[in-house]
Amino acid sequence: MRIPGIGGEVLRKVGGTPVNIPGAELFTALESGTIDATEWVGPMNDLAFGLFRAARYYYYPGWHEPGTTLEAIINKKAFDGLSKDLQSIVRNACKMVNQEMSTEFTLRTTG
């Protein structure tokens, strides 16, 4: 399976053989049987690569990469210094941006 990083290490520990090949080679490697499986960015990118034409099954999200999540890093002291209503606004804004990212990703995959 084409799977780099920690995902590849886990696959190796359960008896698989991880390989790391460039994205441009995924379709051909799947089609020719050089690899039996692959992971890539996500549904929108997998569709653009045409991986559905070479792979018999599709599984998403991957256990090693569960979704489109953004990160917000906020100074704890500054955050704690905000009033409760402003803390709530910050939390909800972060949640909303993550939801919008996930929705956009899904839309472009299925739309």
PDB file of N, CA and C in Angstrom:
ATOM      1  N   MET A   1       0.843  -1.186   0.000  1.00  0.00           N
ATOM      2  CA  MET A   1       0.000   0.000   0.000  1.00  0.00           C
ATOM      3  C   MET A   1       0.879   1.238   0.000  1.00  0.00           C
ATOM      4  N   ARG A   2       0.492   2.208  -0.790  1.00  0.00           N
ATOM      5  CA  ARG A   2       1.177   3.497  -0.750  1.00  0.00           C
ATOM      6  C   ARG A   2       0.614   4.249   0.440  1.00  0.00           C
ATOM      7  N   ILE A   3       1.409   4.353   1.484  1.00  0.00           N
ATOM      8  CA  ILE A   3       1.018   5.086   2.688  1.00  0.00           C
ATOM      9  C   ILE A   3       2.288   5.484   3.443  1.00  0.00           C
ATOM     10  N   PRO A   4       2.574   6.769   3.507  1.00  0.00           N
ATOM     11  CA  PRO A   4       3.785   7.218   4.189  1.00  0.00           C
ATOM     12  C   PRO A   4       3.548   7.466   5.684  1.00  0.00           C
ATOM     13  N   GLY A   5       4.595   7.825   6.355  1.00  0.00           N
ATOM     14  CA  GLY A   5       4.506   8.297   7.732  1.00  0.00           C
ATOM     15  C   GLY A   5       4.047   7.264   8.741  1.00  0.00           C
ATOM     16  N   ILE A   6       3.371   7.768   9.771  1.00  0.00           N
ATOM     17  CA  ILE A   6       2.935   6.896  10.854  1.00  0.00           C
ATOM     18  C   ILE A   6       1.948   5.840  10.366  1.00  0.00           C
ATOM     19  N   GLY A   7       1.138   6.198   9.374  1.00  0.00           N
ATOM     20  CA  GLY A   7       0.224   5.215   8.796  1.00  0.00           C
ATOM     21  C   GLY A   7       0.982   4.029   8.226  1.00  0.00           C
ATOM     22  N   GLY A   8       2.079   4.312   7.549  1.00  0.00           N
ATOM     23  CA  GLY A   8       2.916   3.257   6.998  1.00  0.00           C
ATOM     24  C   GLY A   8       3.551   2.402   8.074  1.00  0.00           C
ATOM     25  N   GLU A   9       3.955   3.037   9.164  1.00  0.00           N
ATOM     26  CA  GLU A   9       4.556   2.283  10.271  1.00  0.00           C
ATOM     27  C   GLU A   9       3.534   1.340  10.900  1.00  0.00           C
ATOM     28  N   VAL A  10       2.309   1.807  11.067  1.00  0.00           N
ATOM     29  CA  VAL A  10       1.257   0.957  11.623  1.00  0.00           C
ATOM     30  C   VAL A  10       0.976  -0.194  10.665  1.00  0.00           C
ATOM     31  N   LEU A  11       0.872   0.104   9.376  1.00  0.00           N
ATOM     32  CA  LEU A  11       0.633  -0.943   8.381  1.00  0.00           C
ATOM     33  C   LEU A  11       1.724  -2.006   8.433  1.00  0.00           C
ATOM     34  N   ARG A  12       2.967  -1.573   8.561  1.00  0.00           N
ATOM     35  CA  ARG A  12       4.095  -2.509   8.639  1.00  0.00           C
ATOM     36  C   ARG A  12       3.958  -3.414   9.867  1.00  0.00           C
ATOM     37  N   LYS A  13       3.565  -2.838  10.989  1.00  0.00           N
ATOM     38  CA  LYS A  13       3.451  -3.616  12.231  1.00  0.00           C
ATOM     39  C   LYS A  13       2.352  -4.673  12.172  1.00  0.00           C
ATOM     40  N   VAL A  14       1.355  -4.477  11.310  1.00  0.00           N
ATOM     41  CA  VAL A  14       0.294  -5.480  11.177  1.00  0.00           C
ATOM     42  C   VAL A  14       0.526  -6.396   9.978  1.00  0.00           C
ATOM     43  N   GLY A  15       1.714  -6.305   9.377  1.00  0.00           N
ATOM     44  CA  GLY A  15       2.083  -7.246   8.326  1.00  0.00           C
ATOM     45  C   GLY A  15       2.005  -6.737   6.909  1.00  0.00           C
ATOM     46  N   GLY A  16       1.632  -5.485   6.723  1.00  0.00           N
ATOM     47  CA  GLY A  16       1.575  -4.919   5.384  1.00  0.00           C
ATOM     48  C   GLY A  16       2.924  -4.414   4.922  1.00  0.00           C
ATOM     49  N   THR A  17       2.983  -4.034   3.667  1.00  0.00           N
ATOM     50  CA  THR A  17       4.210  -3.472   3.111  1.00  0.00           C
ATOM     51  C   THR A  17       3.919  -2.065   2.613  1.00  0.00           C
ATOM     52  N   PRO A  18       4.278  -1.048   3.411  1.00  0.00           N
ATOM     53  CA  PRO A  18       4.051   0.327   2.960  1.00  0.00           C
ATOM     54  C   PRO A  18       5.122   0.748   1.963  1.00  0.00           C
ATOM     55  N   VAL A  19       4.701   1.507   0.976  1.00  0.00           N
ATOM     56  CA  VAL A  19       5.635   2.109   0.026  1.00  0.00           C
ATOM     57  C   VAL A  19       5.271   3.576  -0.107  1.00  0.00           C
ATOM     58  N   ASN A  20       6.222   4.368  -0.497  1.00  0.00           N
ATOM     59  CA  ASN A  20       5.974   5.787  -0.698  1.00  0.00           C
ATOM     60  C   ASN A  20       6.365   6.138  -2.121  1.00  0.00           C
ATOM     61  N   ILE A  21       5.356   6.309  -2.960  1.00  0.00           N
ATOM     62  CA  ILE A  21       5.609   6.688  -4.346  1.00  0.00           C
ATOM     63  C   ILE A  21       4.934   8.031  -4.606  1.00  0.00           C
ATOM     64  N   PRO A  22       5.419   8.783  -5.577  1.00  0.00           N
ATOM     65  CA  PRO A  22       4.830  10.092  -5.873  1.00  0.00           C
ATOM     66  C   PRO A  22       3.373   9.988  -6.311  1.00  0.00           C
ATOM     67  N   GLY A  23       2.609  11.002  -6.008  1.00  0.00           N
ATOM     68  CA  GLY A  23       1.202  11.043  -6.374  1.00  0.00           C
ATOM     69  C   GLY A  23       0.958  10.832  -7.856  1.00  0.00           C
ATOM     70  N   ALA A  24       1.823  11.363  -8.680  1.00  0.00           N
ATOM     71  CA  ALA A  24       1.648  11.241 -10.130  1.00  0.00           C
ATOM     72  C   ALA A  24       1.715   9.796 -10.604  1.00  0.00           C
ATOM     73  N   GLU A  25       2.271   8.901  -9.785  1.00  0.00           N
ATOM     74  CA  GLU A  25       2.405   7.499 -10.170  1.00  0.00           C
ATOM     75  C   GLU A  25       1.320   6.603  -9.582  1.00  0.00           C
ATOM     76  N   LEU A  26       0.420   7.157  -8.766  1.00  0.00           N
ATOM     77  CA  LEU A  26      -0.566   6.337  -8.066  1.00  0.00           C
ATOM     78  C   LEU A  26      -1.486   5.562  -8.994  1.00  0.00           C
ATOM     79  N   PHE A  27      -2.069   6.246  -9.951  1.00  0.00           N
ATOM     80  CA  PHE A  27      -3.026   5.584 -10.839  1.00  0.00           C
ATOM     81  C   PHE A  27      -2.372   4.411 -11.557  1.00  0.00           C
ATOM     82  N   THR A  28      -1.244   4.657 -12.157  1.00  0.00           N
ATOM     83  CA  THR A  28      -0.544   3.615 -12.914  1.00  0.00           C
ATOM     84  C   THR A  28      -0.137   2.461 -12.002  1.00  0.00           C
ATOM     85  N   ALA A  29       0.334   2.780 -10.816  1.00  0.00           N
ATOM     86  CA  ALA A  29       0.750   1.734  -9.876  1.00  0.00           C
ATOM     87  C   ALA A  29      -0.441   0.880  -9.445  1.00  0.00           C
ATOM     88  N   LEU A  30      -1.583   1.507  -9.208  1.00  0.00           N
ATOM     89  CA  LEU A  30      -2.795   0.757  -8.866  1.00  0.00           C
ATOM     90  C   LEU A  30      -3.269  -0.089 -10.046  1.00  0.00           C
ATOM     91  N   GLU A  31      -3.322   0.525 -11.196  1.00  0.00           N
ATOM     92  CA  GLU A  31      -3.831  -0.138 -12.393  1.00  0.00           C
ATOM     93  C   GLU A  31      -2.975  -1.349 -12.780  1.00  0.00           C
ATOM     94  N   SER A  32      -1.661  -1.206 -12.622  1.00  0.00           N
ATOM     95  CA  SER A  32      -0.753  -2.284 -13.017  1.00  0.00           C
ATOM     96  C   SER A  32      -0.585  -3.354 -11.942  1.00  0.00           C
ATOM     97  N   GLY A  33      -1.065  -3.081 -10.734  1.00  0.00           N
ATOM     98  CA  GLY A  33      -0.909  -4.042  -9.642  1.00  0.00           C
ATOM     99  C   GLY A  33       0.400  -3.903  -8.894  1.00  0.00           C
ATOM    100  N   THR A  34       1.160  -2.854  -9.197  1.00  0.00           N
ATOM    101  CA  THR A  34       2.396  -2.598  -8.461  1.00  0.00           C
ATOM    102  C   THR A  34       2.084  -2.390  -6.982  1.00  0.00           C
ATOM    103  N   ILE A  35       0.963  -1.733  -6.707  1.00  0.00           N
ATOM    104  CA  ILE A  35       0.453  -1.589  -5.344  1.00  0.00           C
ATOM    105  C   ILE A  35      -0.989  -2.090  -5.337  1.00  0.00           C
ATOM    106  N   ASP A  36      -1.423  -2.562  -4.195  1.00  0.00           N
ATOM    107  CA  ASP A  36      -2.801  -3.053  -4.049  1.00  0.00           C
ATOM    108  C   ASP A  36      -3.741  -1.982  -3.541  1.00  0.00           C
ATOM    109  N   ALA A  37      -3.190  -0.964  -2.902  1.00  0.00           N
ATOM    110  CA  ALA A  37      -4.015   0.080  -2.301  1.00  0.00           C
ATOM    111  C   ALA A  37      -3.203   1.359  -2.174  1.00  0.00           C
ATOM    112  N   THR A  38      -3.925   2.445  -1.973  1.00  0.00           N
ATOM    113  CA  THR A  38      -3.255   3.726  -1.776  1.00  0.00           C
ATOM    114  C   THR A  38      -4.096   4.616  -0.890  1.00  0.00           C
ATOM    115  N   GLU A  39      -3.478   5.584  -0.319  1.00  0.00           N
ATOM    116  CA  GLU A  39      -4.183   6.681   0.329  1.00  0.00           C
ATOM    117  C   GLU A  39      -3.662   7.935  -0.340  1.00  0.00           C
ATOM    118  N   TRP A  40      -4.534   8.916  -0.458  1.00  0.00           N
ATOM    119  CA  TRP A  40      -4.119  10.169  -1.043  1.00  0.00           C
ATOM    120  C   TRP A  40      -4.759  11.257  -0.203  1.00  0.00           C
ATOM    121  N   VAL A  41      -4.967  12.409  -0.727  1.00  0.00           N
ATOM    122  CA  VAL A  41      -5.426  13.555   0.055  1.00  0.00           C
ATOM    123  C   VAL A  41      -6.843  13.380   0.587  1.00  0.00           C
ATOM    124  N   GLY A  42      -7.762  13.006  -0.257  1.00  0.00           N
ATOM    125  CA  GLY A  42      -9.161  12.877   0.129  1.00  0.00           C
ATOM    126  C   GLY A  42     -10.025  12.729  -1.102  1.00  0.00           C
ATOM    127  N   PRO A  43     -11.337  12.603  -0.923  1.00  0.00           N
ATOM    128  CA  PRO A  43     -12.230  12.305  -2.043  1.00  0.00           C
ATOM    129  C   PRO A  43     -12.099  13.229  -3.253  1.00  0.00           C
ATOM    130  N   MET A  44     -12.012  14.529  -3.042  1.00  0.00           N
ATOM    131  CA  MET A  44     -11.932  15.461  -4.166  1.00  0.00           C
ATOM    132  C   MET A  44     -10.674  15.194  -4.995  1.00  0.00           C
ATOM    133  N   ASN A  45      -9.561  15.008  -4.323  1.00  0.00           N
ATOM    134  CA  ASN A  45      -8.301  14.771  -5.017  1.00  0.00           C
ATOM    135  C   ASN A  45      -8.249  13.372  -5.619  1.00  0.00           C
ATOM    136  N   ASP A  46      -8.821  12.401  -4.904  1.00  0.00           N
ATOM    137  CA  ASP A  46      -8.874  11.035  -5.433  1.00  0.00           C
ATOM    138  C   ASP A  46      -9.693  10.994  -6.725  1.00  0.00           C
ATOM    139  N   LEU A  47     -10.796  11.729  -6.727  1.00  0.00           N
ATOM    140  CA  LEU A  47     -11.646  11.800  -7.910  1.00  0.00           C
ATOM    141  C   LEU A  47     -10.901  12.445  -9.071  1.00  0.00           C
ATOM    142  N   ALA A  48     -10.206  13.536  -8.781  1.00  0.00           N
ATOM    143  CA  ALA A  48      -9.447  14.234  -9.824  1.00  0.00           C
ATOM    144  C   ALA A  48      -8.359  13.336 -10.426  1.00  0.00           C
ATOM    145  N   PHE A  49      -7.767  12.474  -9.608  1.00  0.00           N
ATOM    146  CA  PHE A  49      -6.740  11.549 -10.095  1.00  0.00           C
ATOM    147  C   PHE A  49      -7.361  10.357 -10.822  1.00  0.00           C
ATOM    148  N   GLY A  50      -8.674  10.193 -10.715  1.00  0.00           N
ATOM    149  CA  GLY A  50      -9.332   9.058 -11.360  1.00  0.00           C
ATOM    150  C   GLY A  50      -9.058   7.735 -10.676  1.00  0.00           C
ATOM    151  N   LEU A  51      -8.725   7.773  -9.397  1.00  0.00           N
ATOM    152  CA  LEU A  51      -8.357   6.544  -8.699  1.00  0.00           C
ATOM    153  C   LEU A  51      -9.500   5.531  -8.682  1.00  0.00           C
ATOM    154  N   PHE A  52     -10.728   6.000  -8.785  1.00  0.00           N
ATOM    155  CA  PHE A  52     -11.888   5.093  -8.797  1.00  0.00           C
ATOM    156  C   PHE A  52     -11.853   4.162 -10.012  1.00  0.00           C
ATOM    157  N   ARG A  53     -11.148   4.552 -11.050  1.00  0.00           N
ATOM    158  CA  ARG A  53     -11.050   3.708 -12.246  1.00  0.00           C
ATOM    159  C   ARG A  53     -10.070   2.551 -12.055  1.00  0.00           C
ATOM    160  N   ALA A  54      -9.171   2.707 -11.095  1.00  0.00           N
ATOM    161  CA  ALA A  54      -8.144   1.684 -10.885  1.00  0.00           C
ATOM    162  C   ALA A  54      -8.340   0.894  -9.597  1.00  0.00           C
ATOM    163  N   ALA A  55      -9.126   1.417  -8.674  1.00  0.00           N
ATOM    164  CA  ALA A  55      -9.328   0.752  -7.385  1.00  0.00           C
ATOM    165  C   ALA A  55     -10.723   0.135  -7.324  1.00  0.00           C
ATOM    166  N   ARG A  56     -10.799  -1.058  -6.811  1.00  0.00           N
ATOM    167  CA  ARG A  56     -12.083  -1.742  -6.720  1.00  0.00           C
ATOM    168  C   ARG A  56     -12.927  -1.209  -5.568  1.00  0.00           C
ATOM    169  N   TYR A  57     -12.296  -0.838  -4.472  1.00  0.00           N
ATOM    170  CA  TYR A  57     -13.002  -0.366  -3.289  1.00  0.00           C
ATOM    171  C   TYR A  57     -12.510   1.018  -2.902  1.00  0.00           C
ATOM    172  N   TYR A  58     -13.370   1.724  -2.151  1.00  0.00           N
ATOM    173  CA  TYR A  58     -12.999   3.053  -1.659  1.00  0.00           C
ATOM    174  C   TYR A  58     -13.371   3.142  -0.193  1.00  0.00           C
ATOM    175  N   TYR A  59     -12.480   3.664   0.597  1.00  0.00           N
ATOM    176  CA  TYR A  59     -12.704   3.793   2.028  1.00  0.00           C
ATOM    177  C   TYR A  59     -12.292   5.199   2.452  1.00  0.00           C
ATOM    178  N   TYR A  60     -13.211   5.910   3.086  1.00  0.00           N
ATOM    179  CA  TYR A  60     -12.917   7.263   3.552  1.00  0.00           C
ATOM    180  C   TYR A  60     -13.777   7.565   4.767  1.00  0.00           C
ATOM    181  N   PRO A  61     -13.326   8.254   5.755  1.00  0.00           N
ATOM    182  CA  PRO A  61     -11.962   8.776   5.887  1.00  0.00           C
ATOM    183  C   PRO A  61     -10.997   7.693   6.342  1.00  0.00           C
ATOM    184  N   GLY A  62      -9.751   7.925   6.088  1.00  0.00           N
ATOM    185  CA  GLY A  62      -8.721   6.995   6.531  1.00  0.00           C
ATOM    186  C   GLY A  62      -8.552   7.077   8.040  1.00  0.00           C
ATOM    187  N   TRP A  63      -8.246   5.981   8.648  1.00  0.00           N
ATOM    188  CA  TRP A  63      -8.053   5.954  10.104  1.00  0.00           C
ATOM    189  C   TRP A  63      -6.854   6.807  10.510  1.00  0.00           C
ATOM    190  N   HIS A  64      -5.898   6.960   9.631  1.00  0.00           N
ATOM    191  CA  HIS A  64      -4.678   7.707   9.922  1.00  0.00           C
ATOM    192  C   HIS A  64      -4.833   9.199   9.627  1.00  0.00           C
ATOM    193  N   GLU A  65      -5.879   9.568   8.939  1.00  0.00           N
ATOM    194  CA  GLU A  65      -6.087  10.954   8.525  1.00  0.00           C
ATOM    195  C   GLU A  65      -7.598  11.198   8.506  1.00  0.00           C
ATOM    196  N   PRO A  66      -8.184  11.376   9.679  1.00  0.00           N
ATOM    197  CA  PRO A  66      -9.640  11.336   9.789  1.00  0.00           C
ATOM    198  C   PRO A  66     -10.425  12.482   9.172  1.00  0.00           C
ATOM    199  N   GLY A  67      -9.812  13.500   8.690  1.00  0.00           N
ATOM    200  CA  GLY A  67     -10.611  14.526   8.058  1.00  0.00           C
ATOM    201  C   GLY A  67      -9.921  15.853   7.893  1.00  0.00           C
ATOM    202  N   THR A  68     -10.698  16.757   7.402  1.00  0.00           N
ATOM    203  CA  THR A  68     -10.204  18.100   7.147  1.00  0.00           C
ATOM    204  C   THR A  68     -10.367  18.928   8.408  1.00  0.00           C
ATOM    205  N   THR A  69      -9.325  19.031   9.166  1.00  0.00           N
ATOM    206  CA  THR A  69      -9.387  19.773  10.412  1.00  0.00           C
ATOM    207  C   THR A  69      -8.354  20.887  10.380  1.00  0.00           C
ATOM    208  N   LEU A  70      -8.783  22.051  10.761  1.00  0.00           N
ATOM    209  CA  LEU A  70      -7.864  23.178  10.861  1.00  0.00           C
ATOM    210  C   LEU A  70      -7.408  23.309  12.300  1.00  0.00           C
ATOM    211  N   GLU A  71      -6.381  24.078  12.497  1.00  0.00           N
ATOM    212  CA  GLU A  71      -5.842  24.257  13.836  1.00  0.00           C
ATOM    213  C   GLU A  71      -5.862  25.732  14.189  1.00  0.00           C
ATOM    214  N   ALA A  72      -6.256  26.019  15.410  1.00  0.00           N
ATOM    215  CA  ALA A  72      -6.193  27.389  15.922  1.00  0.00           C
ATOM    216  C   ALA A  72      -5.309  27.365  17.155  1.00  0.00           C
ATOM    217  N   ILE A  73      -4.283  28.150  17.130  1.00  0.00           N
ATOM    218  CA  ILE A  73      -3.383  28.236  18.280  1.00  0.00           C
ATOM    219  C   ILE A  73      -3.593  29.599  18.919  1.00  0.00           C
ATOM    220  N   ILE A  74      -3.999  29.563  20.172  1.00  0.00           N
ATOM    221  CA  ILE A  74      -4.322  30.791  20.893  1.00  0.00           C
ATOM    222  C   ILE A  74      -3.547  30.805  22.196  1.00  0.00           C
ATOM    223  N   ASN A  75      -2.949  31.922  22.493  1.00  0.00           N
ATOM    224  CA  ASN A  75      -2.239  32.074  23.752  1.00  0.00           C
ATOM    225  C   ASN A  75      -3.230  31.859  24.906  1.00  0.00           C
ATOM    226  N   LYS A  76      -2.951  30.854  25.747  1.00  0.00           N
ATOM    227  CA  LYS A  76      -3.872  30.501  26.829  1.00  0.00           C
ATOM    228  C   LYS A  76      -4.103  31.659  27.784  1.00  0.00           C
ATOM    229  N   LYS A  77      -3.065  32.367  28.121  1.00  0.00           N
ATOM    230  CA  LYS A  77      -3.217  33.487  29.055  1.00  0.00           C
ATOM    231  C   LYS A  77      -4.125  34.565  28.449  1.00  0.00           C
ATOM    232  N   ALA A  78      -3.918  34.855  27.164  1.00  0.00           N
ATOM    233  CA  ALA A  78      -4.756  35.848  26.495  1.00  0.00           C
ATOM    234  C   ALA A  78      -6.201  35.353  26.392  1.00  0.00           C
ATOM    235  N   PHE A  79      -6.370  34.062  26.060  1.00  0.00           N
ATOM    236  CA  PHE A  79      -7.713  33.496  25.946  1.00  0.00           C
ATOM    237  C   PHE A  79      -8.424  33.529  27.303  1.00  0.00           C
ATOM    238  N   ASP A  80      -7.716  33.116  28.334  1.00  0.00           N
ATOM    239  CA  ASP A  80      -8.303  33.128  29.685  1.00  0.00           C
ATOM    240  C   ASP A  80      -8.657  34.537  30.135  1.00  0.00           C
ATOM    241  N   GLY A  81      -7.980  35.535  29.577  1.00  0.00           N
ATOM    242  CA  GLY A  81      -8.253  36.927  29.927  1.00  0.00           C
ATOM    243  C   GLY A  81      -9.504  37.487  29.252  1.00  0.00           C
ATOM    244  N   LEU A  82     -10.028  36.760  28.281  1.00  0.00           N
ATOM    245  CA  LEU A  82     -11.246  37.207  27.610  1.00  0.00           C
ATOM    246  C   LEU A  82     -12.464  36.930  28.486  1.00  0.00           C
ATOM    247  N   SER A  83     -13.498  37.710  28.277  1.00  0.00           N
ATOM    248  CA  SER A  83     -14.755  37.445  28.988  1.00  0.00           C
ATOM    249  C   SER A  83     -15.329  36.125  28.473  1.00  0.00           C
ATOM    250  N   LYS A  84     -16.216  35.520  29.224  1.00  0.00           N
ATOM    251  CA  LYS A  84     -16.807  34.229  28.844  1.00  0.00           C
ATOM    252  C   LYS A  84     -17.517  34.306  27.488  1.00  0.00           C
ATOM    253  N   ASP A  85     -18.188  35.429  27.226  1.00  0.00           N
ATOM    254  CA  ASP A  85     -18.892  35.546  25.943  1.00  0.00           C
ATOM    255  C   ASP A  85     -17.897  35.612  24.775  1.00  0.00           C
ATOM    256  N   LEU A  86     -16.771  36.310  24.956  1.00  0.00           N
ATOM    257  CA  LEU A  86     -15.766  36.362  23.890  1.00  0.00           C
ATOM    258  C   LEU A  86     -15.070  35.010  23.714  1.00  0.00           C
ATOM    259  N   GLN A  87     -14.847  34.282  24.807  1.00  0.00           N
ATOM    260  CA  GLN A  87     -14.288  32.937  24.699  1.00  0.00           C
ATOM    261  C   GLN A  87     -15.229  32.045  23.880  1.00  0.00           C
ATOM    262  N   SER A  88     -16.511  32.185  24.150  1.00  0.00           N
ATOM    263  CA  SER A  88     -17.511  31.406  23.421  1.00  0.00           C
ATOM    264  C   SER A  88     -17.505  31.763  21.930  1.00  0.00           C
ATOM    265  N   ILE A  89     -17.371  33.044  21.627  1.00  0.00           N
ATOM    266  CA  ILE A  89     -17.313  33.477  20.228  1.00  0.00           C
ATOM    267  C   ILE A  89     -16.095  32.868  19.534  1.00  0.00           C
ATOM    268  N   VAL A  90     -14.950  32.878  20.185  1.00  0.00           N
ATOM    269  CA  VAL A  90     -13.732  32.307  19.605  1.00  0.00           C
ATOM    270  C   VAL A  90     -13.915  30.805  19.373  1.00  0.00           C
ATOM    271  N   ARG A  91     -14.422  30.108  20.380  1.00  0.00           N
ATOM    272  CA  ARG A  91     -14.648  28.658  20.238  1.00  0.00           C
ATOM    273  C   ARG A  91     -15.599  28.362  19.077  1.00  0.00           C
ATOM    274  N   ASN A  92     -16.698  29.088  19.028  1.00  0.00           N
ATOM    275  CA  ASN A  92     -17.689  28.848  17.982  1.00  0.00           C
ATOM    276  C   ASN A  92     -17.180  29.238  16.597  1.00  0.00           C
ATOM    277  N   ALA A  93     -16.380  30.285  16.519  1.00  0.00           N
ATOM    278  CA  ALA A  93     -15.788  30.662  15.232  1.00  0.00           C
ATOM    279  C   ALA A  93     -14.862  29.548  14.737  1.00  0.00           C
ATOM    280  N   CYS A  94     -14.077  28.972  15.634  1.00  0.00           N
ATOM    281  CA  CYS A  94     -13.191  27.866  15.262  1.00  0.00           C
ATOM    282  C   CYS A  94     -14.004  26.658  14.791  1.00  0.00           C
ATOM    283  N   LYS A  95     -15.061  26.341  15.512  1.00  0.00           N
ATOM    284  CA  LYS A  95     -15.913  25.219  15.117  1.00  0.00           C
ATOM    285  C   LYS A  95     -16.540  25.470  13.743  1.00  0.00           C
ATOM    286  N   MET A  96     -17.002  26.684  13.521  1.00  0.00           N
ATOM    287  CA  MET A  96     -17.668  27.017  12.268  1.00  0.00           C
ATOM    288  C   MET A  96     -16.713  26.923  11.073  1.00  0.00           C
ATOM    289  N   VAL A  97     -15.521  27.412  11.235  1.00  0.00           N
ATOM    290  CA  VAL A  97     -14.544  27.346  10.146  1.00  0.00           C
ATOM    291  C   VAL A  97     -14.225  25.888   9.819  1.00  0.00           C
ATOM    292  N   ASN A  98     -14.077  25.054  10.849  1.00  0.00           N
ATOM    293  CA  ASN A  98     -13.834  23.634  10.599  1.00  0.00           C
ATOM    294  C   ASN A  98     -15.011  22.997   9.884  1.00  0.00           C
ATOM    295  N   GLN A  99     -16.225  23.337  10.285  1.00  0.00           N
ATOM    296  CA  GLN A  99     -17.416  22.784   9.633  1.00  0.00           C
ATOM    297  C   GLN A  99     -17.495  23.237   8.170  1.00  0.00           C
ATOM    298  N   GLU A 100     -17.210  24.503   7.924  1.00  0.00           N
ATOM    299  CA  GLU A 100     -17.223  25.007   6.550  1.00  0.00           C
ATOM    300  C   GLU A 100     -16.175  24.305   5.691  1.00  0.00           C
ATOM    301  N   MET A 101     -15.005  24.059   6.252  1.00  0.00           N
ATOM    302  CA  MET A 101     -13.941  23.369   5.520  1.00  0.00           C
ATOM    303  C   MET A 101     -14.395  21.963   5.144  1.00  0.00           C
ATOM    304  N   SER A 102     -14.962  21.255   6.093  1.00  0.00           N
ATOM    305  CA  SER A 102     -15.440  19.903   5.841  1.00  0.00           C
ATOM    306  C   SER A 102     -16.566  19.895   4.804  1.00  0.00           C
ATOM    307  N   THR A 103     -17.486  20.835   4.911  1.00  0.00           N
ATOM    308  CA  THR A 103     -18.599  20.931   3.975  1.00  0.00           C
ATOM    309  C   THR A 103     -18.108  21.235   2.566  1.00  0.00           C
ATOM    310  N   GLU A 104     -17.194  22.163   2.434  1.00  0.00           N
ATOM    311  CA  GLU A 104     -16.638  22.519   1.125  1.00  0.00           C
ATOM    312  C   GLU A 104     -15.911  21.326   0.503  1.00  0.00           C
ATOM    313  N   PHE A 105     -15.158  20.614   1.318  1.00  0.00           N
ATOM    314  CA  PHE A 105     -14.422  19.442   0.854  1.00  0.00           C
ATOM    315  C   PHE A 105     -15.399  18.387   0.335  1.00  0.00           C
ATOM    316  N   THR A 106     -16.474  18.140   1.099  1.00  0.00           N
ATOM    317  CA  THR A 106     -17.483  17.165   0.698  1.00  0.00           C
ATOM    318  C   THR A 106     -18.225  17.621  -0.551  1.00  0.00           C
ATOM    319  N   LEU A 107     -18.580  18.891  -0.613  1.00  0.00           N
ATOM    320  CA  LEU A 107     -19.284  19.434  -1.764  1.00  0.00           C
ATOM    321  C   LEU A 107     -18.480  19.227  -3.036  1.00  0.00           C
ATOM    322  N   ARG A 108     -17.218  19.552  -2.996  1.00  0.00           N
ATOM    323  CA  ARG A 108     -16.379  19.437  -4.194  1.00  0.00           C
ATOM    324  C   ARG A 108     -16.138  17.984  -4.575  1.00  0.00           C
ATOM    325  N   THR A 109     -16.310  17.084  -3.620  1.00  0.00           N
ATOM    326  CA  THR A 109     -16.155  15.671  -3.886  1.00  0.00           C
ATOM    327  C   THR A 109     -17.386  15.121  -4.587  1.00  0.00           C
ATOM    328  N   THR A 110     -18.555  15.564  -4.159  1.00  0.00           N
ATOM    329  CA  THR A 110     -19.784  14.970  -4.668  1.00  0.00           C
ATOM    330  C   THR A 110     -20.493  15.850  -5.683  1.00  0.00           C
ATOM    331  N   GLY A 111     -20.111  17.140  -5.775  1.00  0.00           N
ATOM    332  CA  GLY A 111     -20.846  18.076  -6.609  1.00  0.00           C
ATOM    333  C   GLY A 111     -20.444  18.133  -7.996  1.00  0.00           C
TER     334      GLY A 111
END
